Amino acid sequence: MSIRSFMKMLIKLFGAQRVALGSDYPFPLGETKPGQLIELMKLSAEQKAQLLSATACEFLGMERDSLKR
C-alpha cells in the first residue's frame, strides 16, 4: 500500500479532524518537505487546512490564527 493510499484510508476511516501532519524532526525519516504529500493529494482546501494545522491546533488548544506563516 502506498503512503498516499494509506493517507486516504486514514482520512476515510477517522476523518480529517482526527489526522494531523506530523514530523520526525530532527530525524529525516519522512518527507523532505513536510506537508508535501498532503498538498499534492486531491483533497478539498478545507481538508488540507485541517490536516496541515487545524487538527493539531485543536488538540493543543490553540487558535489557528495565532500561527505565524
N, C-alpha and C. Protein backbone atom coordinates (compact mmCIF):
# COMPACT_ATOMS: atom_id res chain seq x y z
N MET A 1 0.85 -1.17 0.00
CA MET A 1 0.00 0.00 0.00
C MET A 1 0.91 1.24 0.00
N SER A 2 0.62 2.17 -0.88
CA SER A 2 1.41 3.40 -0.96
C SER A 2 1.03 4.33 0.19
N ILE A 3 1.92 5.25 0.51
CA ILE A 3 1.64 6.21 1.58
C ILE A 3 0.42 7.06 1.24
N ARG A 4 0.24 7.38 -0.03
CA ARG A 4 -0.92 8.17 -0.46
C ARG A 4 -2.22 7.39 -0.21
N SER A 5 -2.21 6.10 -0.56
CA SER A 5 -3.38 5.25 -0.33
C SER A 5 -3.66 5.11 1.16
N PHE A 6 -2.60 5.00 1.94
CA PHE A 6 -2.73 4.88 3.39
C PHE A 6 -3.35 6.15 3.97
N MET A 7 -2.90 7.31 3.51
CA MET A 7 -3.47 8.58 3.97
C MET A 7 -4.95 8.69 3.64
N LYS A 8 -5.31 8.30 2.41
CA LYS A 8 -6.72 8.33 2.01
C LYS A 8 -7.56 7.44 2.91
N MET A 9 -7.02 6.25 3.25
CA MET A 9 -7.73 5.32 4.11
C MET A 9 -7.90 5.92 5.51
N LEU A 10 -6.85 6.54 6.06
CA LEU A 10 -6.95 7.17 7.38
C LEU A 10 -8.01 8.26 7.40
N ILE A 11 -8.01 9.10 6.37
CA ILE A 11 -8.98 10.19 6.30
C ILE A 11 -10.39 9.63 6.19
N LYS A 12 -10.56 8.58 5.40
CA LYS A 12 -11.88 7.97 5.23
C LYS A 12 -12.36 7.32 6.54
N LEU A 13 -11.46 6.63 7.23
CA LEU A 13 -11.83 5.93 8.47
C LEU A 13 -12.08 6.87 9.65
N PHE A 14 -11.21 7.87 9.82
CA PHE A 14 -11.25 8.70 11.01
C PHE A 14 -11.69 10.14 10.77
N GLY A 15 -11.62 10.61 9.52
CA GLY A 15 -11.95 11.99 9.21
C GLY A 15 -10.73 12.88 9.37
N ALA A 16 -10.70 13.95 8.61
CA ALA A 16 -9.57 14.87 8.64
C ALA A 16 -9.43 15.53 10.02
N GLN A 17 -10.50 15.55 10.81
CA GLN A 17 -10.46 16.15 12.14
C GLN A 17 -9.65 15.33 13.13
N ARG A 18 -9.30 14.10 12.76
CA ARG A 18 -8.54 13.22 13.66
C ARG A 18 -7.19 12.82 13.10
N VAL A 19 -6.78 13.43 12.00
CA VAL A 19 -5.47 13.14 11.39
C VAL A 19 -4.71 14.45 11.33
N ALA A 20 -3.44 14.42 11.74
CA ALA A 20 -2.64 15.65 11.76
C ALA A 20 -1.29 15.42 11.10
N LEU A 21 -0.77 16.47 10.51
CA LEU A 21 0.58 16.44 9.97
C LEU A 21 1.54 16.26 11.13
N GLY A 22 2.49 15.37 10.96
CA GLY A 22 3.49 15.14 11.99
C GLY A 22 4.88 15.22 11.39
N SER A 23 5.86 15.16 12.25
CA SER A 23 7.24 15.27 11.80
C SER A 23 8.12 14.38 12.67
N ASP A 24 9.19 13.90 12.11
CA ASP A 24 10.19 13.14 12.85
C ASP A 24 11.40 14.02 13.14
N TYR A 25 11.22 15.35 12.97
CA TYR A 25 12.32 16.29 13.17
C TYR A 25 12.98 16.03 14.51
N PRO A 26 14.26 16.00 14.58
CA PRO A 26 15.28 16.33 13.59
C PRO A 26 15.77 15.14 12.78
N PHE A 27 15.03 14.05 12.81
CA PHE A 27 15.44 12.86 12.09
C PHE A 27 14.77 12.80 10.72
N PRO A 28 15.53 12.77 9.65
CA PRO A 28 14.95 12.80 8.29
C PRO A 28 14.40 11.44 7.87
N LEU A 29 13.28 11.04 8.45
CA LEU A 29 12.71 9.72 8.16
C LEU A 29 11.58 9.76 7.15
N GLY A 30 11.04 10.93 6.89
CA GLY A 30 9.87 11.03 6.02
C GLY A 30 10.09 11.97 4.88
N GLU A 31 9.11 12.83 4.67
CA GLU A 31 9.14 13.79 3.57
C GLU A 31 10.30 14.77 3.73
N THR A 32 10.88 15.16 2.62
CA THR A 32 11.92 16.19 2.68
C THR A 32 11.30 17.56 2.90
N LYS A 33 10.07 17.75 2.43
CA LYS A 33 9.32 18.99 2.67
C LYS A 33 8.04 18.60 3.41
N PRO A 34 7.97 18.84 4.73
CA PRO A 34 6.77 18.46 5.48
C PRO A 34 5.49 19.04 4.87
N GLY A 35 4.50 18.19 4.72
CA GLY A 35 3.22 18.61 4.18
C GLY A 35 3.07 18.44 2.67
N GLN A 36 4.15 18.08 2.01
CA GLN A 36 4.11 17.94 0.54
C GLN A 36 3.11 16.89 0.10
N LEU A 37 3.06 15.77 0.78
CA LEU A 37 2.11 14.72 0.41
C LEU A 37 0.68 15.25 0.49
N ILE A 38 0.36 15.94 1.57
CA ILE A 38 -0.99 16.49 1.73
C ILE A 38 -1.29 17.50 0.63
N GLU A 39 -0.34 18.38 0.36
CA GLU A 39 -0.53 19.39 -0.68
C GLU A 39 -0.78 18.77 -2.05
N LEU A 40 -0.14 17.64 -2.34
CA LEU A 40 -0.25 17.01 -3.66
C LEU A 40 -1.48 16.10 -3.80
N MET A 41 -2.12 15.77 -2.68
CA MET A 41 -3.29 14.89 -2.74
C MET A 41 -4.51 15.65 -3.24
N LYS A 42 -5.43 14.93 -3.85
CA LYS A 42 -6.68 15.52 -4.34
C LYS A 42 -7.66 15.60 -3.18
N LEU A 43 -7.49 16.65 -2.37
CA LEU A 43 -8.35 16.90 -1.22
C LEU A 43 -8.90 18.31 -1.35
N SER A 44 -9.98 18.57 -0.66
CA SER A 44 -10.52 19.94 -0.66
C SER A 44 -9.57 20.85 0.11
N ALA A 45 -9.68 22.15 -0.14
CA ALA A 45 -8.85 23.12 0.59
C ALA A 45 -9.13 23.02 2.09
N GLU A 46 -10.37 22.77 2.44
CA GLU A 46 -10.75 22.63 3.85
C GLU A 46 -10.07 21.42 4.48
N GLN A 47 -10.06 20.28 3.78
CA GLN A 47 -9.39 19.09 4.30
C GLN A 47 -7.89 19.31 4.45
N LYS A 48 -7.28 19.95 3.46
CA LYS A 48 -5.84 20.22 3.53
C LYS A 48 -5.53 21.11 4.73
N ALA A 49 -6.30 22.17 4.93
CA ALA A 49 -6.08 23.06 6.07
C ALA A 49 -6.26 22.31 7.39
N GLN A 50 -7.24 21.43 7.44
CA GLN A 50 -7.48 20.63 8.64
C GLN A 50 -6.28 19.75 8.94
N LEU A 51 -5.77 19.05 7.93
CA LEU A 51 -4.64 18.14 8.11
C LEU A 51 -3.34 18.88 8.41
N LEU A 52 -3.12 20.01 7.76
CA LEU A 52 -1.85 20.73 7.91
C LEU A 52 -1.75 21.51 9.22
N SER A 53 -2.87 21.96 9.77
CA SER A 53 -2.74 22.74 11.00
C SER A 53 -3.92 22.66 11.96
N ALA A 54 -5.14 22.62 11.47
CA ALA A 54 -6.30 22.74 12.35
C ALA A 54 -6.40 21.61 13.37
N THR A 55 -6.18 20.36 12.96
CA THR A 55 -6.28 19.24 13.89
C THR A 55 -5.27 19.41 15.02
N ALA A 56 -4.03 19.75 14.70
CA ALA A 56 -3.00 19.94 15.73
C ALA A 56 -3.36 21.11 16.65
N CYS A 57 -3.83 22.21 16.07
CA CYS A 57 -4.22 23.37 16.88
C CYS A 57 -5.35 23.02 17.84
N GLU A 58 -6.34 22.30 17.35
CA GLU A 58 -7.45 21.89 18.21
C GLU A 58 -6.96 21.01 19.35
N PHE A 59 -6.07 20.07 19.04
CA PHE A 59 -5.52 19.16 20.05
C PHE A 59 -4.74 19.93 21.11
N LEU A 60 -3.99 20.95 20.67
CA LEU A 60 -3.15 21.73 21.57
C LEU A 60 -3.89 22.90 22.22
N GLY A 61 -5.15 23.11 21.85
CA GLY A 61 -5.93 24.20 22.42
C GLY A 61 -5.49 25.57 21.92
N MET A 62 -5.00 25.62 20.69
CA MET A 62 -4.51 26.87 20.11
C MET A 62 -5.48 27.37 19.04
N GLU A 63 -5.44 28.65 18.78
CA GLU A 63 -6.18 29.24 17.68
C GLU A 63 -5.31 29.19 16.43
N ARG A 64 -5.87 28.77 15.30
CA ARG A 64 -5.09 28.72 14.06
C ARG A 64 -4.59 30.09 13.64
N ASP A 65 -5.37 31.12 13.96
CA ASP A 65 -4.98 32.48 13.58
C ASP A 65 -3.72 32.93 14.31
N SER A 66 -3.36 32.26 15.40
CA SER A 66 -2.17 32.66 16.16
C SER A 66 -0.88 32.14 15.53
N LEU A 67 -1.00 31.27 14.54
CA LEU A 67 0.20 30.70 13.90
C LEU A 67 0.83 31.73 12.97
N LYS A 68 2.14 31.82 13.02
CA LYS A 68 2.86 32.68 12.07
C LYS A 68 3.04 31.92 10.79
N ARG A 69 2.90 32.61 9.68
CA ARG A 69 3.08 31.96 8.38
C ARG A 69 4.34 32.47 7.75
